N, C-alpha and C. Protein backbone atom coordinates (compact mmCIF):
# COMPACT_ATOMS: atom_id res chain seq x y z
N MET A 1 3.16 -55.14 16.01
CA MET A 1 2.85 -55.13 17.43
C MET A 1 2.83 -53.69 17.92
N THR A 2 1.75 -53.30 18.57
CA THR A 2 1.65 -51.97 19.17
C THR A 2 2.10 -52.06 20.62
N THR A 3 2.93 -51.13 21.02
CA THR A 3 3.40 -51.11 22.40
C THR A 3 3.31 -49.69 22.96
N ILE A 4 3.28 -49.61 24.27
CA ILE A 4 3.42 -48.34 24.97
C ILE A 4 4.85 -48.29 25.45
N LYS A 5 5.53 -47.19 25.16
CA LYS A 5 6.96 -47.06 25.45
C LYS A 5 7.21 -46.08 26.59
N ALA A 6 8.36 -46.24 27.24
CA ALA A 6 8.78 -45.31 28.29
C ALA A 6 9.16 -43.98 27.67
N GLN A 7 8.67 -42.90 28.24
CA GLN A 7 9.00 -41.56 27.75
C GLN A 7 10.26 -41.00 28.42
N MET A 8 10.72 -41.68 29.46
CA MET A 8 11.89 -41.21 30.21
C MET A 8 12.54 -42.40 30.91
N PRO A 9 13.80 -42.25 31.31
CA PRO A 9 14.43 -43.32 32.08
C PRO A 9 14.00 -43.22 33.54
N GLY A 10 13.99 -44.34 34.23
CA GLY A 10 13.65 -44.34 35.65
C GLY A 10 13.22 -45.72 36.10
N VAL A 11 12.50 -45.76 37.22
CA VAL A 11 12.02 -47.01 37.80
C VAL A 11 10.53 -47.13 37.52
N PHE A 12 10.12 -48.27 36.98
CA PHE A 12 8.75 -48.53 36.54
C PHE A 12 7.92 -49.11 37.68
N TYR A 13 6.70 -48.57 37.86
CA TYR A 13 5.77 -49.10 38.85
C TYR A 13 4.38 -49.23 38.23
N ARG A 14 3.73 -50.37 38.44
CA ARG A 14 2.39 -50.62 37.91
C ARG A 14 1.28 -50.11 38.82
N ARG A 15 1.60 -49.70 40.03
CA ARG A 15 0.58 -49.27 40.99
C ARG A 15 0.98 -47.92 41.60
N PRO A 16 0.00 -47.12 42.06
CA PRO A 16 0.31 -45.81 42.62
C PRO A 16 0.98 -45.86 43.99
N ALA A 17 0.83 -46.96 44.71
CA ALA A 17 1.45 -47.15 46.02
C ALA A 17 1.48 -48.65 46.29
N PRO A 18 2.39 -49.10 47.16
CA PRO A 18 2.51 -50.55 47.41
C PRO A 18 1.22 -51.22 47.88
N ASP A 19 0.35 -50.47 48.57
CA ASP A 19 -0.88 -51.07 49.09
C ASP A 19 -2.09 -50.84 48.18
N LYS A 20 -1.87 -50.32 46.99
CA LYS A 20 -2.94 -50.03 46.03
C LYS A 20 -2.94 -51.05 44.90
N PRO A 21 -4.08 -51.23 44.24
CA PRO A 21 -4.12 -52.15 43.09
C PRO A 21 -3.38 -51.57 41.89
N VAL A 22 -3.03 -52.44 40.94
CA VAL A 22 -2.36 -51.99 39.72
C VAL A 22 -3.29 -51.07 38.93
N TYR A 23 -2.70 -50.16 38.16
CA TYR A 23 -3.50 -49.28 37.30
C TYR A 23 -4.28 -50.09 36.27
N VAL A 24 -3.64 -51.10 35.68
CA VAL A 24 -4.25 -51.88 34.61
C VAL A 24 -3.96 -53.36 34.84
N GLU A 25 -5.02 -54.16 34.90
CA GLU A 25 -4.87 -55.61 35.02
C GLU A 25 -4.47 -56.19 33.66
N ASP A 26 -3.77 -57.31 33.66
CA ASP A 26 -3.44 -58.00 32.42
C ASP A 26 -4.74 -58.32 31.68
N GLY A 27 -4.77 -58.02 30.39
CA GLY A 27 -5.94 -58.30 29.57
C GLY A 27 -7.00 -57.22 29.58
N ALA A 28 -6.89 -56.25 30.46
CA ALA A 28 -7.90 -55.19 30.56
C ALA A 28 -7.80 -54.21 29.40
N PRO A 29 -8.94 -53.63 29.00
CA PRO A 29 -8.90 -52.61 27.95
C PRO A 29 -8.19 -51.35 28.43
N ILE A 30 -7.50 -50.69 27.51
CA ILE A 30 -6.80 -49.44 27.78
C ILE A 30 -7.29 -48.41 26.78
N SER A 31 -7.61 -47.22 27.28
CA SER A 31 -8.02 -46.11 26.42
C SER A 31 -6.82 -45.19 26.19
N ALA A 32 -6.79 -44.54 25.04
CA ALA A 32 -5.74 -43.55 24.78
C ALA A 32 -5.84 -42.45 25.85
N GLY A 33 -4.71 -42.08 26.44
CA GLY A 33 -4.66 -41.07 27.48
C GLY A 33 -4.80 -41.60 28.89
N GLN A 34 -5.12 -42.88 29.04
CA GLN A 34 -5.29 -43.50 30.36
C GLN A 34 -3.94 -43.71 31.03
N THR A 35 -3.86 -43.44 32.34
CA THR A 35 -2.65 -43.72 33.10
C THR A 35 -2.54 -45.22 33.29
N ILE A 36 -1.38 -45.78 32.93
CA ILE A 36 -1.20 -47.22 33.03
C ILE A 36 -0.11 -47.61 34.02
N ALA A 37 0.72 -46.63 34.43
CA ALA A 37 1.84 -46.92 35.33
C ALA A 37 2.50 -45.60 35.73
N LEU A 38 3.55 -45.73 36.53
CA LEU A 38 4.38 -44.59 36.93
C LEU A 38 5.83 -44.90 36.61
N ILE A 39 6.60 -43.85 36.35
CA ILE A 39 8.05 -43.96 36.27
C ILE A 39 8.61 -42.95 37.27
N GLU A 40 9.44 -43.45 38.19
CA GLU A 40 10.06 -42.60 39.20
C GLU A 40 11.43 -42.15 38.70
N VAL A 41 11.63 -40.83 38.75
CA VAL A 41 12.91 -40.24 38.38
C VAL A 41 13.29 -39.28 39.51
N MET A 42 14.37 -39.58 40.20
CA MET A 42 14.87 -38.72 41.28
C MET A 42 13.77 -38.34 42.29
N LYS A 43 13.06 -39.35 42.77
CA LYS A 43 12.00 -39.22 43.77
C LYS A 43 10.76 -38.48 43.28
N THR A 44 10.66 -38.27 41.96
CA THR A 44 9.48 -37.67 41.35
C THR A 44 8.78 -38.74 40.53
N PHE A 45 7.47 -38.88 40.74
CA PHE A 45 6.69 -39.90 40.04
C PHE A 45 5.98 -39.26 38.86
N ASN A 46 6.17 -39.84 37.68
CA ASN A 46 5.60 -39.35 36.44
C ASN A 46 4.64 -40.39 35.88
N GLU A 47 3.43 -39.97 35.53
CA GLU A 47 2.44 -40.90 34.99
C GLU A 47 2.84 -41.34 33.58
N VAL A 48 2.65 -42.62 33.31
CA VAL A 48 2.80 -43.16 31.97
C VAL A 48 1.39 -43.27 31.41
N LYS A 49 1.13 -42.54 30.34
CA LYS A 49 -0.20 -42.54 29.73
C LYS A 49 -0.16 -43.28 28.40
N ALA A 50 -1.20 -44.02 28.14
CA ALA A 50 -1.30 -44.77 26.88
C ALA A 50 -1.47 -43.79 25.73
N ASP A 51 -0.73 -44.03 24.65
CA ASP A 51 -0.88 -43.19 23.46
C ASP A 51 -1.69 -43.91 22.38
N ALA A 52 -2.20 -45.09 22.73
CA ALA A 52 -3.05 -45.86 21.81
C ALA A 52 -4.03 -46.66 22.66
N GLU A 53 -5.06 -47.17 22.02
CA GLU A 53 -5.99 -48.01 22.78
C GLU A 53 -5.87 -49.46 22.35
N GLY A 54 -6.27 -50.33 23.23
CA GLY A 54 -6.20 -51.76 22.99
C GLY A 54 -6.38 -52.47 24.31
N ALA A 55 -5.97 -53.70 24.37
CA ALA A 55 -6.01 -54.46 25.62
C ALA A 55 -4.57 -54.70 26.07
N ALA A 56 -4.36 -54.70 27.37
CA ALA A 56 -3.03 -54.93 27.92
C ALA A 56 -2.68 -56.40 27.75
N ALA A 57 -2.16 -56.76 26.59
CA ALA A 57 -1.86 -58.16 26.28
C ALA A 57 -0.72 -58.70 27.13
N GLU A 58 0.30 -57.86 27.37
CA GLU A 58 1.45 -58.33 28.14
C GLU A 58 2.28 -57.15 28.64
N PHE A 59 2.56 -57.12 29.94
CA PHE A 59 3.51 -56.15 30.48
C PHE A 59 4.90 -56.73 30.27
N LEU A 60 5.78 -55.95 29.69
CA LEU A 60 7.11 -56.41 29.30
C LEU A 60 8.17 -56.10 30.34
N VAL A 61 7.80 -55.35 31.39
CA VAL A 61 8.72 -55.05 32.50
C VAL A 61 7.97 -55.32 33.81
N GLU A 62 8.72 -55.56 34.85
CA GLU A 62 8.14 -55.86 36.17
C GLU A 62 8.21 -54.63 37.06
N ASP A 63 7.38 -54.62 38.10
CA ASP A 63 7.45 -53.56 39.11
C ASP A 63 8.87 -53.44 39.63
N GLY A 64 9.35 -52.21 39.69
CA GLY A 64 10.68 -51.96 40.24
C GLY A 64 11.81 -52.08 39.23
N ASP A 65 11.50 -52.47 37.99
CA ASP A 65 12.54 -52.55 36.96
C ASP A 65 12.95 -51.15 36.52
N GLU A 66 14.23 -50.99 36.22
CA GLU A 66 14.70 -49.75 35.61
C GLU A 66 14.42 -49.82 34.13
N VAL A 67 13.95 -48.69 33.58
CA VAL A 67 13.63 -48.63 32.15
C VAL A 67 14.38 -47.46 31.52
N ASP A 68 14.54 -47.55 30.21
CA ASP A 68 15.20 -46.50 29.43
C ASP A 68 14.19 -45.84 28.50
N VAL A 69 14.52 -44.67 28.02
CA VAL A 69 13.67 -43.96 27.07
C VAL A 69 13.43 -44.84 25.85
N GLY A 70 12.18 -44.96 25.44
CA GLY A 70 11.83 -45.74 24.26
C GLY A 70 11.68 -47.23 24.49
N GLN A 71 11.94 -47.69 25.71
CA GLN A 71 11.79 -49.12 26.00
C GLN A 71 10.31 -49.50 26.00
N ASP A 72 9.99 -50.64 25.40
CA ASP A 72 8.62 -51.15 25.39
C ASP A 72 8.21 -51.54 26.80
N LEU A 73 7.04 -51.05 27.23
CA LEU A 73 6.53 -51.35 28.57
C LEU A 73 5.37 -52.34 28.53
N VAL A 74 4.45 -52.12 27.59
CA VAL A 74 3.23 -52.93 27.52
C VAL A 74 2.94 -53.23 26.05
N ARG A 75 2.66 -54.49 25.76
CA ARG A 75 2.22 -54.86 24.41
C ARG A 75 0.70 -54.84 24.41
N LEU A 76 0.14 -54.18 23.39
CA LEU A 76 -1.31 -54.09 23.27
C LEU A 76 -1.83 -55.08 22.26
N GLY A 77 -2.99 -55.65 22.57
CA GLY A 77 -3.70 -56.51 21.64
C GLY A 77 -5.01 -55.84 21.28
N GLY A 78 -5.84 -56.51 20.52
CA GLY A 78 -7.15 -55.97 20.15
C GLY A 78 -8.08 -55.92 21.33
N THR A 79 -9.08 -55.06 21.25
CA THR A 79 -10.05 -54.94 22.33
C THR A 79 -11.23 -55.86 22.11
C-alpha cells in the first residue's frame, strides 16, 4: 500500500480555508508534487505535497485531527 505521510506533527486540514473546497476529492488523481492538504504548526500552515502519484483511495485522517511525523494521511490506489 502506498501512502502519503505527515512530514511534521500538527493539525491536518484538507482545505486551504473553511469556505474553500478540499485540495483533493476522494478518488481523484494525484500527481507527484501536488499539494493535497495543510498541516498547521504553531499558527503556521505548511503544505503537504504528494511524493508519489496515484488516486486518493482513502483519507486516513479527518479535518482538524492532530497528526504525528510519519503518520499515514492518504492511501493511494492506481490511476
